[in-house]
C-alpha atoms as a PDB file:
ATOM      1  CA  MET A   1      88.034 137.397 105.790  1.00  0.00           C
ATOM      2  CA  LYS A   2      91.583 137.663 104.520  1.00  0.00           C
ATOM      3  CA  LEU A   3      93.561 134.431 104.296  1.00  0.00           C
ATOM      4  CA  THR A   4      97.187 134.293 105.278  1.00  0.00           C
ATOM      5  CA  ASP A   5      99.689 132.798 102.869  1.00  0.00           C
ATOM      6  CA  ARG A   6      99.828 129.609 104.927  1.00  0.00           C
ATOM      7  CA  SER A   7      96.048 129.268 105.000  1.00  0.00           C
ATOM      8  CA  PHE A   8      95.815 129.935 101.269  1.00  0.00           C
ATOM      9  CA  VAL A   9      98.330 127.139 100.575  1.00  0.00           C
ATOM     10  CA  LEU A  10      96.361 124.743 102.807  1.00  0.00           C
ATOM     11  CA  VAL A  11      93.137 125.591 100.968  1.00  0.00           C
ATOM     12  CA  LEU A  12      94.810 124.861  97.643  1.00  0.00           C
ATOM     13  CA  LEU A  13      96.144 121.535  98.955  1.00  0.00           C
ATOM     14  CA  LEU A  14      92.809 120.446 100.430  1.00  0.00           C
ATOM     15  CA  PRO A  15      91.253 118.994  97.211  1.00  0.00           C
ATOM     16  CA  ALA A  16      94.389 116.974  96.435  1.00  0.00           C
ATOM     17  CA  THR A  17      94.569 115.787 100.060  1.00  0.00           C
ATOM     18  CA  LEU A  18      90.938 114.642 100.003  1.00  0.00           C
ATOM     19  CA  PHE A  19      91.475 112.895  96.668  1.00  0.00           C
ATOM     20  CA  LEU A  20      94.556 111.034  97.907  1.00  0.00           C
ATOM     21  CA  ALA A  21      92.862 110.097 101.159  1.00  0.00           C
ATOM     22  CA  SER A  22      89.801 108.744  99.342  1.00  0.00           C
ATOM     23  CA  PHE A  23      91.396 106.957  96.390  1.00  0.00           C
ATOM     24  CA  VAL A  24      94.838 106.042  97.788  1.00  0.00           C
ATOM     25  CA  GLY A  25      94.792 106.147 101.578  1.00  0.00           C
ATOM     26  CA  TYR A  26      91.523 104.273 102.155  1.00  0.00           C
ATOM     27  CA  PRO A  27      92.234 101.447  99.636  1.00  0.00           C
ATOM     28  CA  LEU A  28      95.724 101.117 101.149  1.00  0.00           C
ATOM     29  CA  PHE A  29      94.164 100.808 104.606  1.00  0.00           C
ATOM     30  CA  LEU A  30      91.824  98.071 103.327  1.00  0.00           C
ATOM     31  CA  LEU A  31      94.750  96.262 101.710  1.00  0.00           C
ATOM     32  CA  ILE A  32      96.749  96.210 104.962  1.00  0.00           C
ATOM     33  CA  ARG A  33      93.688  95.235 107.006  1.00  0.00           C
ATOM     34  CA  ASP A  34      92.729  92.365 104.713  1.00  0.00           C
ATOM     35  CA  SER A  35      96.292  91.042 104.702  1.00  0.00           C
ATOM     36  CA  PHE A  36      95.849  90.098 108.384  1.00  0.00           C
ATOM     37  CA  HIS A  37      92.497  88.387 107.852  1.00  0.00           C
ATOM     38  CA  ASP A  38      91.242  85.240 106.187  1.00  0.00           C
ATOM     39  CA  VAL A  39      89.047  87.038 103.671  1.00  0.00           C
ATOM     40  CA  SER A  40      87.317  85.379 100.733  1.00  0.00           C
ATOM     41  CA  ILE A  41      85.957  87.224  97.727  1.00  0.00           C
ATOM     42  CA  TYR A  42      82.895  85.012  97.908  1.00  0.00           C
ATOM     43  CA  ALA A  43      82.024  85.952 101.502  1.00  0.00           C
ATOM     44  CA  LEU A  44      81.075  89.325 102.936  1.00  0.00           C
ATOM     45  CA  GLY A  45      82.684  90.844 106.011  1.00  0.00           C
ATOM     46  CA  GLU A  46      86.226  91.247 107.272  1.00  0.00           C
ATOM     47  CA  GLY A  47      86.846  87.551 107.873  1.00  0.00           C
ATOM     48  CA  GLU A  48      88.738  85.872 110.671  1.00  0.00           C
ATOM     49  CA  PHE A  49      91.869  87.546 112.033  1.00  0.00           C
ATOM     50  CA  VAL A  50      94.884  85.325 111.285  1.00  0.00           C
ATOM     51  CA  GLY A  51      97.763  87.654 112.155  1.00  0.00           C
ATOM     52  CA  TRP A  52     100.904  87.081 110.088  1.00  0.00           C
ATOM     53  CA  ALA A  53      99.690  83.774 108.641  1.00  0.00           C
ATOM     54  CA  ASN A  54      99.048  85.207 105.169  1.00  0.00           C
ATOM     55  CA  TYR A  55     102.528  86.749 105.097  1.00  0.00           C
ATOM     56  CA  ALA A  56     104.144  83.497 106.251  1.00  0.00           C
ATOM     57  CA  LYS A  57     102.257  81.560 103.579  1.00  0.00           C
ATOM     58  CA  ALA A  58     103.281  84.057 100.894  1.00  0.00           C
ATOM     59  CA  LEU A  59     106.958  84.018 101.882  1.00  0.00           C
ATOM     60  CA  SER A  60     107.047  80.208 101.978  1.00  0.00           C
ATOM     61  CA  SER A  61     105.259  79.738  98.648  1.00  0.00           C
ATOM     62  CA  SER A  62     107.566  78.674  95.823  1.00  0.00           C
ATOM     63  CA  ARG A  63     105.137  80.097  93.286  1.00  0.00           C
ATOM     64  CA  VAL A  64     105.233  83.533  94.933  1.00  0.00           C
ATOM     65  CA  LEU A  65     109.033  83.455  95.104  1.00  0.00           C
ATOM     66  CA  ASP A  66     109.256  82.340  91.465  1.00  0.00           C
ATOM     67  CA  SER A  67     106.887  85.147  90.452  1.00  0.00           C
ATOM     68  CA  ALA A  68     109.004  87.623  92.407  1.00  0.00           C
ATOM     69  CA  GLY A  69     112.118  86.430  90.590  1.00  0.00           C
ATOM     70  CA  ARG A  70     110.413  86.760  87.213  1.00  0.00           C
ATOM     71  CA  THR A  71     109.193  90.235  88.182  1.00  0.00           C
ATOM     72  CA  LEU A  72     112.750  91.279  88.992  1.00  0.00           C
ATOM     73  CA  ASN A  73     114.113  89.782  85.767  1.00  0.00           C
ATOM     74  CA  TYR A  74     111.354  91.383  83.696  1.00  0.00           C
ATOM     75  CA  THR A  75     111.906  94.783  85.312  1.00  0.00           C
ATOM     76  CA  ILE A  76     115.684  94.680  84.859  1.00  0.00           C
ATOM     77  CA  LEU A  77     115.323  93.550  81.243  1.00  0.00           C
ATOM     78  CA  ALA A  78     112.747  96.165  80.280  1.00  0.00           C
ATOM     79  CA  LEU A  79     114.329  99.001  82.251  1.00  0.00           C
ATOM     80  CA  SER A  80     117.855  98.308  80.968  1.00  0.00           C
ATOM     81  CA  ALA A  81     116.744  98.279  77.335  1.00  0.00           C
ATOM     82  CA  GLU A  82     114.596 101.388  77.772  1.00  0.00           C
ATOM     83  CA  PHE A  83     117.363 103.313  79.513  1.00  0.00           C
ATOM     84  CA  VAL A  84     120.115 102.420  77.039  1.00  0.00           C
ATOM     85  CA  LEU A  85     117.955 103.097  73.978  1.00  0.00           C
ATOM     86  CA  GLY A  86     116.366 106.183  75.543  1.00  0.00           C
ATOM     87  CA  PHE A  87     119.701 107.659  76.620  1.00  0.00           C
ATOM     88  CA  GLY A  88     121.134 107.076  73.142  1.00  0.00           C
ATOM     89  CA  ALA A  89     118.135 108.764  71.541  1.00  0.00           C
ATOM     90  CA  ALA A  90     118.350 111.684  74.005  1.00  0.00           C
ATOM     91  CA  LEU A  91     122.024 112.230  73.163  1.00  0.00           C
ATOM     92  CA  LEU A  92     121.162 112.120  69.452  1.00  0.00           C
ATOM     93  CA  PHE A  93     118.373 114.693  69.891  1.00  0.00           C
ATOM     94  CA  ASN A  94     120.678 116.915  71.915  1.00  0.00           C
ATOM     95  CA  ALA A  95     123.403 116.750  69.263  1.00  0.00           C
ATOM     96  CA  MET A  96     120.906 117.550  66.491  1.00  0.00           C
ATOM     97  CA  GLY A  97     119.515 120.594  68.298  1.00  0.00           C
ATOM     98  CA  LYS A  98     116.432 122.162  66.724  1.00  0.00           C
ATOM     99  CA  ARG A  99     116.668 119.788  63.765  1.00  0.00           C
ATOM    100  CA  SER A 100     115.362 117.020  66.058  1.00  0.00           C
ATOM    101  CA  GLU A 101     111.912 118.610  66.551  1.00  0.00           C
ATOM    102  CA  ILE A 102     110.109 116.460  63.980  1.00  0.00           C
ATOM    103  CA  LEU A 103     112.035 113.352  65.016  1.00  0.00           C
ATOM    104  CA  ARG A 104     111.136 113.934  68.672  1.00  0.00           C
ATOM    105  CA  THR A 105     107.481 114.303  67.753  1.00  0.00           C
ATOM    106  CA  VAL A 106     107.478 111.045  65.803  1.00  0.00           C
ATOM    107  CA  PHE A 107     109.436 109.331  68.556  1.00  0.00           C
ATOM    108  CA  ALA A 108     106.710 110.251  71.069  1.00  0.00           C
ATOM    109  CA  PHE A 109     103.897 108.590  69.084  1.00  0.00           C
ATOM    110  CA  PRO A 110     104.031 105.253  71.015  1.00  0.00           C
ATOM    111  CA  LEU A 111     103.175 107.133  74.215  1.00  0.00           C
ATOM    112  CA  MET A 112      99.710 107.794  72.768  1.00  0.00           C
ATOM    113  CA  ILE A 113      98.947 104.085  72.327  1.00  0.00           C
ATOM    114  CA  PRO A 114      97.050 102.356  75.186  1.00  0.00           C
ATOM    115  CA  PRO A 115      99.076  99.498  76.741  1.00  0.00           C
ATOM    116  CA  ILE A 116      96.426  96.891  75.964  1.00  0.00           C
ATOM    117  CA  VAL A 117      96.478  97.902  72.287  1.00  0.00           C
ATOM    118  CA  ALA A 118     100.270  97.641  72.273  1.00  0.00           C
ATOM    119  CA  GLY A 119     100.015  94.181  73.821  1.00  0.00           C
ATOM    120  CA  LEU A 120      97.544  93.027  71.168  1.00  0.00           C
ATOM    121  CA  LEU A 121      99.646  94.498  68.388  1.00  0.00           C
ATOM    122  CA  TRP A 122     102.812  92.720  69.503  1.00  0.00           C
ATOM    123  CA  ARG A 123     100.911  89.504  70.165  1.00  0.00           C
ATOM    124  CA  PHE A 124      99.890  89.341  66.505  1.00  0.00           C
ATOM    125  CA  MET A 125     103.366  90.406  65.385  1.00  0.00           C
ATOM    126  CA  LEU A 126     105.128  87.715  67.416  1.00  0.00           C
ATOM    127  CA  ILE A 127     102.764  84.810  66.864  1.00  0.00           C
ATOM    128  CA  ASP A 128     104.527  81.999  65.025  1.00  0.00           C
ATOM    129  CA  ASN A 129     103.564  80.968  61.476  1.00  0.00           C
ATOM    130  CA  ILE A 130     101.640  84.163  60.696  1.00  0.00           C
ATOM    131  CA  GLY A 131     103.508  86.797  62.726  1.00  0.00           C
ATOM    132  CA  ILE A 132     105.310  89.505  60.787  1.00  0.00           C
ATOM    133  CA  VAL A 133     108.468  89.209  62.941  1.00  0.00           C
ATOM    134  CA  ASN A 134     109.089  85.581  62.011  1.00  0.00           C
ATOM    135  CA  HIS A 135     108.124  86.331  58.412  1.00  0.00           C
ATOM    136  CA  ILE A 136     110.784  89.063  58.209  1.00  0.00           C
ATOM    137  CA  LEU A 137     113.384  86.798  59.836  1.00  0.00           C
ATOM    138  CA  GLU A 138     112.534  84.078  57.321  1.00  0.00           C
ATOM    139  CA  GLN A 139     112.841  86.488  54.394  1.00  0.00           C
ATOM    140  CA  LEU A 140     116.247  87.611  55.700  1.00  0.00           C
ATOM    141  CA  GLY A 141     117.379  84.004  55.896  1.00  0.00           C
ATOM    142  CA  LEU A 142     117.899  84.107  59.655  1.00  0.00           C
ATOM    143  CA  ILE A 143     115.446  81.259  60.241  1.00  0.00           C
ATOM    144  CA  ALA A 144     114.428  78.405  57.936  1.00  0.00           C
ATOM    145  CA  ASP A 145     110.704  78.510  58.637  1.00  0.00           C
ATOM    146  CA  SER A 146     108.297  81.022  60.169  1.00  0.00           C
ATOM    147  CA  SER A 147     107.419  78.509  62.893  1.00  0.00           C
ATOM    148  CA  ASP A 148     111.014  78.045  64.071  1.00  0.00           C
ATOM    149  CA  ILE A 149     110.738  80.587  66.891  1.00  0.00           C
ATOM    150  CA  SER A 150     107.740  80.487  69.198  1.00  0.00           C
ATOM    151  CA  TRP A 151     108.155  83.871  70.852  1.00  0.00           C
ATOM    152  CA  LEU A 152     105.171  83.541  73.175  1.00  0.00           C
ATOM    153  CA  GLY A 153     105.215  79.753  73.553  1.00  0.00           C
ATOM    154  CA  ASP A 154     108.837  79.099  74.483  1.00  0.00           C
ATOM    155  CA  ARG A 155     109.480  79.255  78.233  1.00  0.00           C
ATOM    156  CA  ASP A 156     113.093  80.300  77.681  1.00  0.00           C
ATOM    157  CA  ILE A 157     112.328  83.473  75.723  1.00  0.00           C
ATOM    158  CA  VAL A 158     108.741  84.370  76.627  1.00  0.00           C
ATOM    159  CA  LEU A 159     109.783  86.847  79.338  1.00  0.00           C
ATOM    160  CA  PHE A 160     111.887  88.714  76.777  1.00  0.00           C
ATOM    161  CA  SER A 161     109.023  88.576  74.258  1.00  0.00           C
ATOM    162  CA  VAL A 162     106.426  90.084  76.602  1.00  0.00           C
ATOM    163  CA  ALA A 163     108.916  92.829  77.525  1.00  0.00           C
ATOM    164  CA  LEU A 164     109.172  94.027  73.921  1.00  0.00           C
ATOM    165  CA  PRO A 165     105.846  95.988  73.940  1.00  0.00           C
ATOM    166  CA  ASN A 166     106.861  97.681  77.188  1.00  0.00           C
ATOM    167  CA  ILE A 167     110.247  98.646  75.753  1.00  0.00           C
ATOM    168  CA  TRP A 168     108.713  99.910  72.509  1.00  0.00           C
ATOM    169  CA  LEU A 169     105.971 101.834  74.288  1.00  0.00           C
ATOM    170  CA  THR A 170     107.979 103.695  76.921  1.00  0.00           C
ATOM    171  CA  THR A 171     111.498 104.160  75.533  1.00  0.00           C
ATOM    172  CA  SER A 172     110.273 107.477  74.140  1.00  0.00           C
ATOM    173  CA  PHE A 173     109.349 108.639  77.666  1.00  0.00           C
ATOM    174  CA  VAL A 174     112.871 107.873  78.889  1.00  0.00           C
ATOM    175  CA  ALA A 175     114.390 109.603  75.853  1.00  0.00           C
ATOM    176  CA  LEU A 176     112.320 112.773  76.201  1.00  0.00           C
ATOM    177  CA  ALA A 177     112.864 112.992  79.966  1.00  0.00           C
ATOM    178  CA  LEU A 178     116.637 112.624  79.600  1.00  0.00           C
ATOM    179  CA  TYR A 179     116.652 115.040  76.664  1.00  0.00           C
ATOM    180  CA  THR A 180     114.973 117.643  78.871  1.00  0.00           C
ATOM    181  CA  GLY A 181     117.660 117.068  81.469  1.00  0.00           C
ATOM    182  CA  LEU A 182     120.397 117.479  78.857  1.00  0.00           C
ATOM    183  CA  GLN A 183     118.892 120.783  77.778  1.00  0.00           C
ATOM    184  CA  ASN A 184     119.234 122.090  81.330  1.00  0.00           C
ATOM    185  CA  ILE A 185     122.982 121.472  81.473  1.00  0.00           C
ATOM    186  CA  PRO A 186     124.734 124.870  81.114  1.00  0.00           C
ATOM    187  CA  SER A 187     126.457 125.060  77.759  1.00  0.00           C
ATOM    188  CA  GLU A 188     129.224 127.134  79.383  1.00  0.00           C
ATOM    189  CA  LEU A 189     130.440 124.063  81.256  1.00  0.00           C
ATOM    190  CA  ILE A 190     130.673 122.027  78.061  1.00  0.00           C
ATOM    191  CA  GLU A 191     132.511 124.823  76.235  1.00  0.00           C
ATOM    192  CA  ALA A 192     134.930 125.292  79.127  1.00  0.00           C
ATOM    193  CA  ALA A 193     135.686 121.573  79.161  1.00  0.00           C
ATOM    194  CA  LYS A 194     136.329 121.657  75.404  1.00  0.00           C
ATOM    195  CA  ILE A 195     138.748 124.559  75.836  1.00  0.00           C
ATOM    196  CA  ASP A 196     140.562 122.637  78.581  1.00  0.00           C
ATOM    197  CA  GLY A 197     141.057 119.771  76.151  1.00  0.00           C
ATOM    198  CA  ALA A 198     138.535 117.291  77.588  1.00  0.00           C
ATOM    199  CA  SER A 199     137.488 114.595  75.135  1.00  0.00           C
ATOM    200  CA  ALA A 200     133.851 113.800  74.370  1.00  0.00           C
ATOM    201  CA  MET A 201     133.981 110.745  76.650  1.00  0.00           C
ATOM    202  CA  GLN A 202     135.506 112.771  79.479  1.00  0.00           C
ATOM    203  CA  ARG A 203     132.849 115.451  79.113  1.00  0.00           C
ATOM    204  CA  PHE A 204     130.184 112.749  79.210  1.00  0.00           C
ATOM    205  CA  HIS A 205     131.516 111.094  82.386  1.00  0.00           C
ATOM    206  CA  ARG A 206     132.640 114.225  84.254  1.00  0.00           C
ATOM    207  CA  ILE A 207     129.876 116.695  83.337  1.00  0.00           C
ATOM    208  CA  THR A 208     126.850 115.138  81.626  1.00  0.00           C
ATOM    209  CA  VAL A 209     126.249 112.099  83.836  1.00  0.00           C
ATOM    210  CA  PRO A 210     126.824 113.847  87.225  1.00  0.00           C
ATOM    211  CA  LEU A 211     124.478 116.715  86.328  1.00  0.00           C
ATOM    212  CA  LEU A 212     121.869 114.249  85.041  1.00  0.00           C
ATOM    213  CA  ARG A 213     121.784 112.233  88.272  1.00  0.00           C
ATOM    214  CA  PRO A 214     118.472 113.668  89.550  1.00  0.00           C
ATOM    215  CA  VAL A 215     116.755 113.049  86.192  1.00  0.00           C
ATOM    216  CA  ILE A 216     118.255 109.568  85.894  1.00  0.00           C
ATOM    217  CA  ALA A 217     117.083 108.679  89.417  1.00  0.00           C
ATOM    218  CA  VAL A 218     113.524 109.871  88.741  1.00  0.00           C
ATOM    219  CA  VAL A 219     113.357 108.062  85.388  1.00  0.00           C
ATOM    220  CA  LEU A 220     114.669 104.791  86.831  1.00  0.00           C
ATOM    221  CA  ILE A 221     112.283 104.908  89.786  1.00  0.00           C
ATOM    222  CA  LEU A 222     109.187 105.804  87.758  1.00  0.00           C
ATOM    223  CA  ARG A 223     109.882 103.373  84.943  1.00  0.00           C
ATOM    224  CA  GLY A 224     111.041 100.647  87.337  1.00  0.00           C
ATOM    225  CA  ILE A 225     107.831 100.801  89.354  1.00  0.00           C
ATOM    226  CA  ASP A 226     105.740 100.921  86.181  1.00  0.00           C
ATOM    227  CA  ALA A 227     107.541  97.909  84.679  1.00  0.00           C
ATOM    228  CA  ALA A 228     107.365  95.892  87.906  1.00  0.00           C
ATOM    229  CA  ARG A 229     103.596  96.327  88.175  1.00  0.00           C
ATOM    230  CA  ALA A 230     102.957  95.550  84.499  1.00  0.00           C
ATOM    231  CA  PHE A 231      99.812  93.524  83.972  1.00  0.00           C
ATOM    232  CA  ASP A 232      97.714  94.363  80.934  1.00  0.00           C
ATOM    233  CA  MET A 233     100.394  94.000  78.255  1.00  0.00           C
ATOM    234  CA  ILE A 234     101.542  90.632  79.602  1.00  0.00           C
ATOM    235  CA  TRP A 235      98.051  89.340  80.277  1.00  0.00           C
ATOM    236  CA  ILE A 236      96.793  90.139  76.792  1.00  0.00           C
ATOM    237  CA  GLN A 237      99.752  88.280  75.270  1.00  0.00           C
ATOM    238  CA  THR A 238     100.184  85.157  77.383  1.00  0.00           C
ATOM    239  CA  GLU A 239      97.999  85.366  80.531  1.00  0.00           C
ATOM    240  CA  GLY A 240     101.164  84.473  82.412  1.00  0.00           C
ATOM    241  CA  GLY A 241     101.929  81.350  80.351  1.00  0.00           C
ATOM    242  CA  PRO A 242     103.207  79.095  79.058  1.00  0.00           C
ATOM    243  CA  ARG A 243     103.125  77.136  82.329  1.00  0.00           C
ATOM    244  CA  PHE A 244     103.494  80.332  84.399  1.00  0.00           C
ATOM    245  CA  ALA A 245     106.774  81.250  82.631  1.00  0.00           C
ATOM    246  CA  SER A 246     105.642  84.883  82.252  1.00  0.00           C
ATOM    247  CA  GLU A 247     103.611  85.108  85.460  1.00  0.00           C
ATOM    248  CA  ILE A 248     104.959  88.074  87.395  1.00  0.00           C
ATOM    249  CA  LEU A 249     103.664  89.182  90.795  1.00  0.00           C
ATOM    250  CA  SER A 250     100.864  91.401  89.492  1.00  0.00           C
ATOM    251  CA  ILE A 251      99.383  88.482  87.539  1.00  0.00           C
ATOM    252  CA  HIS A 252      99.819  86.103  90.476  1.00  0.00           C
ATOM    253  CA  ILE A 253      98.065  88.588  92.791  1.00  0.00           C
ATOM    254  CA  TYR A 254      95.201  88.843  90.286  1.00  0.00           C
ATOM    255  CA  ARG A 255      94.857  85.074  90.083  1.00  0.00           C
ATOM    256  CA  THR A 256      95.020  84.668  93.863  1.00  0.00           C
ATOM    257  CA  MET A 257      92.330  87.279  94.454  1.00  0.00           C
ATOM    258  CA  ILE A 258      89.963  86.959  91.493  1.00  0.00           C
ATOM    259  CA  ARG A 259      90.303  83.373  90.315  1.00  0.00           C
ATOM    260  CA  TYR A 260      91.049  81.669  93.632  1.00  0.00           C
ATOM    261  CA  GLY A 261      89.031  84.118  95.738  1.00  0.00           C
ATOM    262  CA  ASN A 262      91.669  84.446  98.484  1.00  0.00           C
ATOM    263  CA  VAL A 263      91.642  88.178  99.245  1.00  0.00           C
ATOM    264  CA  GLY A 264      93.700  87.902 102.423  1.00  0.00           C
ATOM    265  CA  GLU A 265      96.634  86.091 100.839  1.00  0.00           C
ATOM    266  CA  ALA A 266      96.534  88.325  97.749  1.00  0.00           C
ATOM    267  CA  SER A 267      96.583  91.399  99.995  1.00  0.00           C
ATOM    268  CA  ALA A 268      99.610  90.072 101.879  1.00  0.00           C
ATOM    269  CA  ILE A 269     101.493  89.435  98.617  1.00  0.00           C
ATOM    270  CA  ALA A 270     100.550  92.909  97.369  1.00  0.00           C
ATOM    271  CA  ALA A 271     101.719  94.501 100.635  1.00  0.00           C
ATOM    272  CA  LEU A 272     105.076  92.696 100.406  1.00  0.00           C
ATOM    273  CA  PHE A 273     105.332  93.697  96.750  1.00  0.00           C
ATOM    274  CA  MET A 274     104.687  97.331  97.618  1.00  0.00           C
ATOM    275  CA  LEU A 275     107.223  97.243 100.453  1.00  0.00           C
ATOM    276  CA  GLY A 276     109.837  95.724  98.140  1.00  0.00           C
ATOM    277  CA  MET A 277     109.304  98.425  95.514  1.00  0.00           C
ATOM    278  CA  LEU A 278     109.579 101.146  98.167  1.00  0.00           C
ATOM    279  CA  LEU A 279     112.872  99.738  99.458  1.00  0.00           C
ATOM    280  CA  ILE A 280     114.382  99.358  95.989  1.00  0.00           C
ATOM    281  CA  SER A 281     113.205 102.854  95.001  1.00  0.00           C
ATOM    282  CA  ALA A 282     114.812 104.307  98.140  1.00  0.00           C
ATOM    283  CA  MET A 283     118.074 102.512  97.341  1.00  0.00           C
ATOM    284  CA  VAL A 284     118.075 103.857  93.778  1.00  0.00           C
ATOM    285  CA  PHE A 285     117.288 107.357  95.034  1.00  0.00           C
ATOM    286  CA  PHE A 286     120.152 107.478  97.542  1.00  0.00           C
ATOM    287  CA  LEU A 287     122.672 105.696  95.332  1.00  0.00           C
ATOM    288  CA  ILE A 288     122.089 107.894  92.272  1.00  0.00           C
ATOM    289  CA  TRP A 289     120.539 111.167  93.389  1.00  0.00           C
ATOM    290  CA  GLY A 290     121.510 111.219  97.050  1.00  0.00           C
ATOM    291  CA  ARG A 291     125.132 110.399  96.291  1.00  0.00           C
ATOM    292  CA  GLY A 292     125.547 113.658  94.390  1.00  0.00           C
ATOM    293  CA  THR A 293     123.370 115.635  96.815  1.00  0.00           C
ATOM    294  CA  TRP A 294     125.082 114.767 100.079  1.00  0.00           C
ATOM    295  CA  GLN A 295     128.708 114.758  98.940  1.00  0.00           C
END
């Protein structure tokens, strides 16, 4: 039996479709179902149907709203630092040309480190008294004693401290993705702009950034979602402390479901979290990529 092109494509897509249905679609269905029920992790069955009660409780909870605010702050902080540093590194690699091959390889090393290992590494580096960061600052004369800055114990700076492993680990991804985008910009356009007398800044704003919009949109969406759902690196450093100062939504959902046993409420928070990320991702897509596509 000879397959048509359409049938052949469907056959090729079937394994991926079954995989997504089994490991994404079905768990998502359970999440939505449980969010409308009073389900406990300690009791079997679907639980009592409570309608929108779990959603109302989540939206009226100050702890959920505070965790959402910290999640937004953490994501903006990590994503901004990664994008600025990654874009700078990508421009440097592009200017160096083939001479950047070794540097790019070294720059990609953090991508090979598991997040939990990165969290442990930075936890020991940032710990006061014996951490190497405070020791270096003390040797440079920037602080009087190695216990002056409690990176993971000070509520005012802990969110920045737990973002450092994320920034260190994934800036290389941003840099390499943007570098690939820069390589796809036709050199003829750059040369023509130079001949017309455009300065380096003008070439950057009028040629480089507009042509990089699709890559920038994809990088911001992927890294934004990944930063917003961070769990392991923060948990291994502070477990959401001190006094919930680094508790973002993923940690709060974990505590609500596993420690407090309230599956229904945790599912409602997770569903709202997912909806929020979808809306923000759509906004980023249309503002950055769609703006250049539909003009």
